[in-house]
Amino acid sequence: MAALKWINLSLLALYPVAWSAPLMRAGLLPLFGLSEISVLTGLRALWETDLLLAAIVALFALVAPYVKTIGLALVQFNIVGRARLPMLAVMGKVAMADIFLIALYITIVKGIGIGRIETAWGLYLFTACILASLMISIAEARRWRD
């Protein structure tokens, strides 16, 4: 179980990398170069056009996973009680919604065929971080149940 604590803490360093890493490369026409889009560049673009949507995406992509990871670390190191685990599980599901939306957007754009879009390594890193956090939460919940 000690390994889970350190894996969870490593997510505090990996999330910012995932947020700045390219999630996808997109372009309008195949002849032109592709622009790299990350969580942070997407948020910056949204901030200029739609503040409400930017706030929602920031909550799903930045705040929820990071607060969940910190909260889980506090439970793991016995700083706060295990009564917080159900709330942390909900935050993990909120964070997972962001990955679902990104995958949905990629599928829609590819299906329409207007432009060109490629997934990039940051999408896999971000997904791995979220899934690792969910698995750690499940393991911690089981540990406290037993």
N, C-alpha and C. Protein backbone atom coordinates (compact mmCIF):
# COMPACT_ATOMS: atom_id res chain seq x y z
N MET A 1 0.81 -1.21 0.00
CA MET A 1 0.00 0.00 0.00
C MET A 1 0.85 1.26 0.00
N ALA A 2 2.08 1.16 0.47
CA ALA A 2 2.95 2.34 0.48
C ALA A 2 3.23 2.82 -0.95
N ALA A 3 3.28 1.87 -1.89
CA ALA A 3 3.53 2.25 -3.28
C ALA A 3 2.39 3.13 -3.81
N LEU A 4 1.16 2.83 -3.39
CA LEU A 4 0.02 3.63 -3.84
C LEU A 4 0.16 5.09 -3.40
N LYS A 5 0.69 5.30 -2.21
CA LYS A 5 0.89 6.67 -1.73
C LYS A 5 1.83 7.44 -2.65
N TRP A 6 2.91 6.79 -3.04
CA TRP A 6 3.91 7.47 -3.86
C TRP A 6 3.45 7.63 -5.30
N ILE A 7 2.70 6.67 -5.78
CA ILE A 7 2.12 6.81 -7.13
C ILE A 7 1.14 7.98 -7.13
N ASN A 8 0.33 8.05 -6.08
CA ASN A 8 -0.63 9.16 -5.97
C ASN A 8 0.12 10.50 -5.92
N LEU A 9 1.16 10.58 -5.11
CA LEU A 9 1.92 11.83 -5.02
C LEU A 9 2.59 12.18 -6.35
N SER A 10 3.01 11.16 -7.11
CA SER A 10 3.64 11.44 -8.41
C SER A 10 2.65 12.09 -9.37
N LEU A 11 1.35 11.83 -9.17
CA LEU A 11 0.34 12.47 -10.03
C LEU A 11 0.35 13.99 -9.86
N LEU A 12 0.75 14.48 -8.69
CA LEU A 12 0.82 15.93 -8.49
C LEU A 12 1.84 16.57 -9.42
N ALA A 13 2.86 15.83 -9.82
CA ALA A 13 3.83 16.32 -10.79
C ALA A 13 3.42 16.01 -12.22
N LEU A 14 2.75 14.87 -12.41
CA LEU A 14 2.38 14.46 -13.77
C LEU A 14 1.20 15.24 -14.35
N TYR A 15 0.27 15.65 -13.50
CA TYR A 15 -0.87 16.42 -14.03
C TYR A 15 -0.44 17.69 -14.76
N PRO A 16 0.40 18.54 -14.18
CA PRO A 16 0.81 19.74 -14.93
C PRO A 16 1.50 19.42 -16.26
N VAL A 17 2.26 18.33 -16.30
CA VAL A 17 2.89 17.91 -17.56
C VAL A 17 1.80 17.54 -18.56
N ALA A 18 0.82 16.77 -18.10
CA ALA A 18 -0.27 16.35 -18.99
C ALA A 18 -1.09 17.53 -19.48
N TRP A 19 -1.26 18.55 -18.63
CA TRP A 19 -2.03 19.72 -19.04
C TRP A 19 -1.34 20.53 -20.12
N SER A 20 -0.03 20.52 -20.12
CA SER A 20 0.70 21.30 -21.12
C SER A 20 1.12 20.46 -22.33
N ALA A 21 1.01 19.15 -22.22
CA ALA A 21 1.37 18.26 -23.32
C ALA A 21 0.29 18.32 -24.41
N PRO A 22 0.70 18.08 -25.66
CA PRO A 22 -0.30 18.10 -26.74
C PRO A 22 -1.28 16.94 -26.63
N LEU A 23 -2.57 17.27 -26.58
CA LEU A 23 -3.62 16.25 -26.57
C LEU A 23 -3.90 15.77 -27.99
N MET A 24 -3.85 16.72 -28.91
CA MET A 24 -4.13 16.40 -30.30
C MET A 24 -3.45 17.42 -31.20
N ARG A 25 -3.35 17.04 -32.45
CA ARG A 25 -2.88 17.96 -33.48
C ARG A 25 -4.03 18.10 -34.46
N ALA A 26 -4.38 19.36 -34.77
CA ALA A 26 -5.54 19.58 -35.62
C ALA A 26 -5.21 20.62 -36.68
N GLY A 27 -5.85 20.47 -37.82
CA GLY A 27 -5.70 21.41 -38.92
C GLY A 27 -6.95 21.41 -39.76
N LEU A 28 -7.19 22.53 -40.42
CA LEU A 28 -8.39 22.65 -41.23
C LEU A 28 -8.29 21.85 -42.52
N LEU A 29 -7.17 21.95 -43.17
CA LEU A 29 -6.98 21.24 -44.43
C LEU A 29 -5.72 20.38 -44.36
N PRO A 30 -5.71 19.25 -45.03
CA PRO A 30 -4.55 18.38 -44.97
C PRO A 30 -3.26 19.01 -45.52
N LEU A 31 -3.40 20.05 -46.34
CA LEU A 31 -2.22 20.66 -46.94
C LEU A 31 -1.42 21.51 -45.95
N PHE A 32 -2.07 22.03 -44.94
CA PHE A 32 -1.41 22.91 -43.99
C PHE A 32 -0.92 22.12 -42.79
N GLY A 33 0.00 22.70 -42.06
CA GLY A 33 0.52 22.06 -40.85
C GLY A 33 -0.55 21.96 -39.78
N LEU A 34 -0.30 21.07 -38.84
CA LEU A 34 -1.25 20.85 -37.76
C LEU A 34 -0.84 21.65 -36.53
N SER A 35 -1.81 22.21 -35.84
CA SER A 35 -1.57 22.93 -34.59
C SER A 35 -1.72 21.97 -33.43
N GLU A 36 -0.82 22.08 -32.47
CA GLU A 36 -0.93 21.24 -31.28
C GLU A 36 -1.87 21.91 -30.28
N ILE A 37 -2.75 21.11 -29.72
CA ILE A 37 -3.73 21.60 -28.76
C ILE A 37 -3.52 20.85 -27.45
N SER A 38 -3.35 21.61 -26.39
CA SER A 38 -3.21 21.02 -25.06
C SER A 38 -4.40 21.49 -24.21
N VAL A 39 -4.49 20.97 -23.01
CA VAL A 39 -5.54 21.43 -22.11
C VAL A 39 -5.38 22.93 -21.87
N LEU A 40 -4.15 23.37 -21.64
CA LEU A 40 -3.92 24.79 -21.34
C LEU A 40 -4.17 25.69 -22.54
N THR A 41 -3.74 25.28 -23.73
CA THR A 41 -4.00 26.13 -24.90
C THR A 41 -5.49 26.14 -25.24
N GLY A 42 -6.16 25.01 -25.02
CA GLY A 42 -7.61 24.98 -25.23
C GLY A 42 -8.34 25.89 -24.26
N LEU A 43 -7.89 25.88 -23.00
CA LEU A 43 -8.49 26.78 -22.01
C LEU A 43 -8.25 28.24 -22.36
N ARG A 44 -7.05 28.54 -22.83
CA ARG A 44 -6.75 29.93 -23.22
C ARG A 44 -7.67 30.38 -24.35
N ALA A 45 -7.88 29.52 -25.33
CA ALA A 45 -8.77 29.87 -26.44
C ALA A 45 -10.21 30.02 -25.96
N LEU A 46 -10.64 29.12 -25.08
CA LEU A 46 -12.00 29.22 -24.55
C LEU A 46 -12.17 30.49 -23.71
N TRP A 47 -11.15 30.85 -22.97
CA TRP A 47 -11.22 32.02 -22.10
C TRP A 47 -11.52 33.28 -22.91
N GLU A 48 -11.01 33.32 -24.13
CA GLU A 48 -11.21 34.50 -25.00
C GLU A 48 -12.61 34.54 -25.60
N THR A 49 -13.28 33.36 -25.69
CA THR A 49 -14.57 33.33 -26.38
C THR A 49 -15.75 33.01 -25.47
N ASP A 50 -15.55 32.15 -24.47
CA ASP A 50 -16.67 31.70 -23.64
C ASP A 50 -16.17 31.44 -22.22
N LEU A 51 -16.37 32.42 -21.36
CA LEU A 51 -15.86 32.31 -19.98
C LEU A 51 -16.51 31.18 -19.20
N LEU A 52 -17.81 30.98 -19.37
CA LEU A 52 -18.51 29.93 -18.64
C LEU A 52 -17.98 28.55 -19.02
N LEU A 53 -17.85 28.31 -20.31
CA LEU A 53 -17.33 27.02 -20.77
C LEU A 53 -15.88 26.84 -20.32
N ALA A 54 -15.10 27.89 -20.35
CA ALA A 54 -13.71 27.82 -19.88
C ALA A 54 -13.66 27.46 -18.40
N ALA A 55 -14.56 28.02 -17.62
CA ALA A 55 -14.60 27.71 -16.18
C ALA A 55 -15.00 26.25 -15.96
N ILE A 56 -15.95 25.75 -16.74
CA ILE A 56 -16.38 24.35 -16.60
C ILE A 56 -15.24 23.41 -16.97
N VAL A 57 -14.58 23.68 -18.08
CA VAL A 57 -13.46 22.84 -18.50
C VAL A 57 -12.33 22.91 -17.48
N ALA A 58 -12.05 24.09 -16.94
CA ALA A 58 -11.00 24.22 -15.92
C ALA A 58 -11.37 23.39 -14.69
N LEU A 59 -12.64 23.39 -14.32
CA LEU A 59 -13.08 22.59 -13.18
C LEU A 59 -12.87 21.10 -13.45
N PHE A 60 -13.30 20.64 -14.63
CA PHE A 60 -13.17 19.21 -14.96
C PHE A 60 -11.72 18.79 -15.17
N ALA A 61 -10.97 19.59 -15.88
CA ALA A 61 -9.63 19.17 -16.30
C ALA A 61 -8.53 19.51 -15.31
N LEU A 62 -8.66 20.60 -14.58
CA LEU A 62 -7.59 21.04 -13.69
C LEU A 62 -7.93 20.86 -12.22
N VAL A 63 -9.00 21.46 -11.80
CA VAL A 63 -9.32 21.52 -10.37
C VAL A 63 -9.71 20.14 -9.82
N ALA A 64 -10.66 19.48 -10.45
CA ALA A 64 -11.18 18.21 -9.91
C ALA A 64 -10.08 17.16 -9.74
N PRO A 65 -9.28 16.88 -10.78
CA PRO A 65 -8.28 15.84 -10.57
C PRO A 65 -7.20 16.21 -9.55
N TYR A 66 -6.83 17.48 -9.53
CA TYR A 66 -5.76 17.90 -8.62
C TYR A 66 -6.25 17.89 -7.17
N VAL A 67 -7.44 18.41 -6.93
CA VAL A 67 -8.00 18.42 -5.57
C VAL A 67 -8.23 16.98 -5.11
N LYS A 68 -8.71 16.13 -6.02
CA LYS A 68 -8.92 14.73 -5.66
C LYS A 68 -7.60 14.08 -5.26
N THR A 69 -6.55 14.32 -6.00
CA THR A 69 -5.25 13.73 -5.70
C THR A 69 -4.73 14.21 -4.35
N ILE A 70 -4.87 15.49 -4.09
CA ILE A 70 -4.44 16.04 -2.79
C ILE A 70 -5.28 15.45 -1.67
N GLY A 71 -6.60 15.39 -1.88
CA GLY A 71 -7.48 14.82 -0.87
C GLY A 71 -7.16 13.36 -0.58
N LEU A 72 -6.88 12.61 -1.63
CA LEU A 72 -6.54 11.20 -1.44
C LEU A 72 -5.22 11.05 -0.69
N ALA A 73 -4.27 11.93 -0.98
CA ALA A 73 -2.99 11.90 -0.24
C ALA A 73 -3.23 12.20 1.24
N LEU A 74 -4.10 13.13 1.52
CA LEU A 74 -4.41 13.45 2.92
C LEU A 74 -5.03 12.26 3.65
N VAL A 75 -5.87 11.51 2.93
CA VAL A 75 -6.45 10.31 3.53
C VAL A 75 -5.37 9.24 3.71
N GLN A 76 -4.53 9.05 2.68
CA GLN A 76 -3.49 8.03 2.73
C GLN A 76 -2.50 8.26 3.87
N PHE A 77 -2.19 9.50 4.14
CA PHE A 77 -1.23 9.83 5.19
C PHE A 77 -1.93 10.10 6.53
N ASN A 78 -3.21 9.71 6.62
CA ASN A 78 -4.01 9.82 7.85
C ASN A 78 -4.09 11.25 8.40
N ILE A 79 -4.11 12.23 7.53
CA ILE A 79 -4.26 13.62 7.95
C ILE A 79 -5.75 13.96 8.05
N VAL A 80 -6.55 13.41 7.15
CA VAL A 80 -8.01 13.53 7.24
C VAL A 80 -8.60 12.13 7.27
N GLY A 81 -9.82 12.03 7.72
CA GLY A 81 -10.47 10.73 7.87
C GLY A 81 -10.94 10.14 6.56
N ARG A 82 -11.20 8.85 6.60
CA ARG A 82 -11.65 8.13 5.40
C ARG A 82 -13.06 8.51 4.98
N ALA A 83 -13.76 9.27 5.81
CA ALA A 83 -15.11 9.72 5.46
C ALA A 83 -15.10 10.58 4.19
N ARG A 84 -13.95 11.08 3.80
CA ARG A 84 -13.82 11.90 2.58
C ARG A 84 -13.77 11.07 1.30
N LEU A 85 -13.57 9.76 1.41
CA LEU A 85 -13.42 8.92 0.22
C LEU A 85 -14.60 8.98 -0.75
N PRO A 86 -15.86 8.95 -0.30
CA PRO A 86 -16.96 9.06 -1.27
C PRO A 86 -16.95 10.36 -2.07
N MET A 87 -16.61 11.48 -1.41
CA MET A 87 -16.52 12.75 -2.12
C MET A 87 -15.38 12.72 -3.15
N LEU A 88 -14.28 12.09 -2.79
CA LEU A 88 -13.14 11.99 -3.71
C LEU A 88 -13.49 11.12 -4.90
N ALA A 89 -14.30 10.09 -4.69
CA ALA A 89 -14.73 9.24 -5.81
C ALA A 89 -15.57 10.03 -6.81
N VAL A 90 -16.42 10.90 -6.32
CA VAL A 90 -17.23 11.75 -7.20
C VAL A 90 -16.33 12.69 -8.00
N MET A 91 -15.33 13.25 -7.35
CA MET A 91 -14.41 14.16 -8.05
C MET A 91 -13.65 13.41 -9.15
N GLY A 92 -13.32 12.16 -8.92
CA GLY A 92 -12.66 11.36 -9.94
C GLY A 92 -13.54 11.14 -11.15
N LYS A 93 -14.82 10.95 -10.91
CA LYS A 93 -15.76 10.77 -12.03
C LYS A 93 -15.92 12.06 -12.82
N VAL A 94 -15.93 13.18 -12.13
CA VAL A 94 -16.01 14.48 -12.81
C VAL A 94 -14.78 14.67 -13.70
N ALA A 95 -13.62 14.30 -13.19
CA ALA A 95 -12.39 14.44 -13.98
C ALA A 95 -12.42 13.53 -15.21
N MET A 96 -13.00 12.36 -15.08
CA MET A 96 -13.08 11.43 -16.20
C MET A 96 -13.99 11.96 -17.30
N ALA A 97 -14.95 12.80 -16.96
CA ALA A 97 -15.85 13.37 -17.96
C ALA A 97 -15.08 14.18 -19.00
N ASP A 98 -14.01 14.83 -18.57
CA ASP A 98 -13.21 15.63 -19.49
C ASP A 98 -12.59 14.77 -20.59
N ILE A 99 -12.06 13.62 -20.22
CA ILE A 99 -11.45 12.73 -21.22
C ILE A 99 -12.52 12.22 -22.18
N PHE A 100 -13.70 11.92 -21.67
CA PHE A 100 -14.80 11.48 -22.53
C PHE A 100 -15.12 12.55 -23.56
N LEU A 101 -15.20 13.81 -23.11
CA LEU A 101 -15.53 14.90 -24.04
C LEU A 101 -14.45 15.08 -25.10
N ILE A 102 -13.19 14.99 -24.71
CA ILE A 102 -12.10 15.11 -25.69
C ILE A 102 -12.21 14.00 -26.73
N ALA A 103 -12.42 12.76 -26.28
CA ALA A 103 -12.56 11.65 -27.21
C ALA A 103 -13.76 11.84 -28.12
N LEU A 104 -14.84 12.35 -27.57
CA LEU A 104 -16.04 12.61 -28.37
C LEU A 104 -15.75 13.66 -29.45
N TYR A 105 -15.07 14.74 -29.09
CA TYR A 105 -14.74 15.78 -30.07
C TYR A 105 -13.85 15.22 -31.18
N ILE A 106 -12.87 14.41 -30.83
CA ILE A 106 -11.99 13.82 -31.83
C ILE A 106 -12.80 12.94 -32.78
N THR A 107 -13.70 12.13 -32.25
CA THR A 107 -14.53 11.26 -33.07
C THR A 107 -15.43 12.06 -34.00
N ILE A 108 -16.03 13.12 -33.50
CA ILE A 108 -16.92 13.96 -34.32
C ILE A 108 -16.15 14.61 -35.45
N VAL A 109 -15.01 15.20 -35.13
CA VAL A 109 -14.22 15.89 -36.17
C VAL A 109 -13.74 14.91 -37.23
N LYS A 110 -13.30 13.74 -36.81
CA LYS A 110 -12.86 12.74 -37.79
C LYS A 110 -14.03 12.26 -38.65
N GLY A 111 -15.21 12.13 -38.04
CA GLY A 111 -16.39 11.68 -38.77
C GLY A 111 -16.88 12.68 -39.79
N ILE A 112 -16.79 13.96 -39.47
CA ILE A 112 -17.24 15.00 -40.39
C ILE A 112 -16.30 15.12 -41.58
N GLY A 113 -15.01 14.95 -41.32
CA GLY A 113 -14.04 14.98 -42.40
C GLY A 113 -13.69 16.37 -42.89
N ILE A 114 -14.00 17.41 -42.12
CA ILE A 114 -13.67 18.78 -42.54
C ILE A 114 -12.18 19.02 -42.46
N GLY A 115 -11.60 18.62 -41.41
CA GLY A 115 -10.18 18.86 -41.20
C GLY A 115 -9.46 17.57 -40.89
N ARG A 116 -8.31 17.75 -40.34
CA ARG A 116 -7.49 16.59 -39.99
C ARG A 116 -7.17 16.69 -38.51
N ILE A 117 -7.28 15.59 -37.80
CA ILE A 117 -6.99 15.59 -36.38
C ILE A 117 -6.27 14.30 -36.02
N GLU A 118 -5.26 14.43 -35.19
CA GLU A 118 -4.48 13.28 -34.73
C GLU A 118 -4.37 13.36 -33.22
N THR A 119 -4.50 12.24 -32.56
CA THR A 119 -4.28 12.24 -31.12
C THR A 119 -2.78 12.32 -30.86
N ALA A 120 -2.42 12.91 -29.74
CA ALA A 120 -1.01 13.07 -29.38
C ALA A 120 -0.75 12.44 -28.02
N TRP A 121 0.49 12.37 -27.66
CA TRP A 121 0.90 11.66 -26.45
C TRP A 121 0.31 12.24 -25.17
N GLY A 122 0.00 13.51 -25.15
CA GLY A 122 -0.56 14.13 -23.95
C GLY A 122 -1.93 13.58 -23.59
N LEU A 123 -2.72 13.19 -24.60
CA LEU A 123 -4.04 12.60 -24.33
C LEU A 123 -3.86 11.29 -23.57
N TYR A 124 -2.87 10.51 -23.98
CA TYR A 124 -2.63 9.24 -23.30
C TYR A 124 -2.08 9.46 -21.89
N LEU A 125 -1.23 10.45 -21.72
CA LEU A 125 -0.70 10.75 -20.39
C LEU A 125 -1.82 11.24 -19.48
N PHE A 126 -2.64 12.16 -19.96
CA PHE A 126 -3.75 12.68 -19.17
C PHE A 126 -4.72 11.56 -18.80
N THR A 127 -5.05 10.71 -19.74
CA THR A 127 -5.93 9.58 -19.48
C THR A 127 -5.31 8.64 -18.46
N ALA A 128 -4.03 8.35 -18.59
CA ALA A 128 -3.35 7.46 -17.64
C ALA A 128 -3.37 8.06 -16.23
N CYS A 129 -3.17 9.36 -16.12
CA CYS A 129 -3.21 10.01 -14.80
C CYS A 129 -4.58 9.86 -14.16
N ILE A 130 -5.63 10.13 -14.93
CA ILE A 130 -6.99 10.03 -14.41
C ILE A 130 -7.31 8.59 -14.02
N LEU A 131 -6.96 7.64 -14.89
CA LEU A 131 -7.25 6.24 -14.59
C LEU A 131 -6.44 5.74 -13.39
N ALA A 132 -5.18 6.16 -13.29
CA ALA A 132 -4.37 5.78 -12.12
C ALA A 132 -5.00 6.31 -10.85
N SER A 133 -5.46 7.54 -10.90
CA SER A 133 -6.10 8.13 -9.73
C SER A 133 -7.37 7.37 -9.35
N LEU A 134 -8.15 6.97 -10.35
CA LEU A 134 -9.37 6.19 -10.07
C LEU A 134 -9.03 4.83 -9.45
N MET A 135 -8.00 4.18 -9.98
CA MET A 135 -7.61 2.87 -9.45
C MET A 135 -7.08 3.00 -8.02
N ILE A 136 -6.33 4.04 -7.74
CA ILE A 136 -5.83 4.26 -6.38
C ILE A 136 -7.01 4.50 -5.44
N SER A 137 -7.99 5.25 -5.88
CA SER A 137 -9.19 5.50 -5.06
C SER A 137 -9.91 4.20 -4.74
N ILE A 138 -10.06 3.36 -5.74
CA ILE A 138 -10.75 2.08 -5.53
C ILE A 138 -9.96 1.22 -4.54
N ALA A 139 -8.65 1.17 -4.71
CA ALA A 139 -7.81 0.38 -3.80
C ALA A 139 -7.89 0.92 -2.38
N GLU A 140 -7.88 2.24 -2.24
CA GLU A 140 -7.97 2.84 -0.90
C GLU A 140 -9.32 2.56 -0.26
N ALA A 141 -10.39 2.62 -1.04
CA ALA A 141 -11.73 2.34 -0.52
C ALA A 141 -11.81 0.90 -0.04
N ARG A 142 -11.24 -0.02 -0.81
CA ARG A 142 -11.24 -1.43 -0.41
C ARG A 142 -10.41 -1.65 0.85
N ARG A 143 -9.30 -0.96 0.93
CA ARG A 143 -8.42 -1.10 2.10
C ARG A 143 -9.15 -0.65 3.36
N TRP A 144 -9.88 0.44 3.28
CA TRP A 144 -10.60 0.96 4.44
C TRP A 144 -11.82 0.11 4.78
N ARG A 145 -12.39 -0.56 3.77
CA ARG A 145 -13.55 -1.43 4.01
C ARG A 145 -13.15 -2.70 4.75
N ASP A 146 -11.98 -3.21 4.42
CA ASP A 146 -11.52 -4.49 5.02
C ASP A 146 -11.04 -4.34 6.43
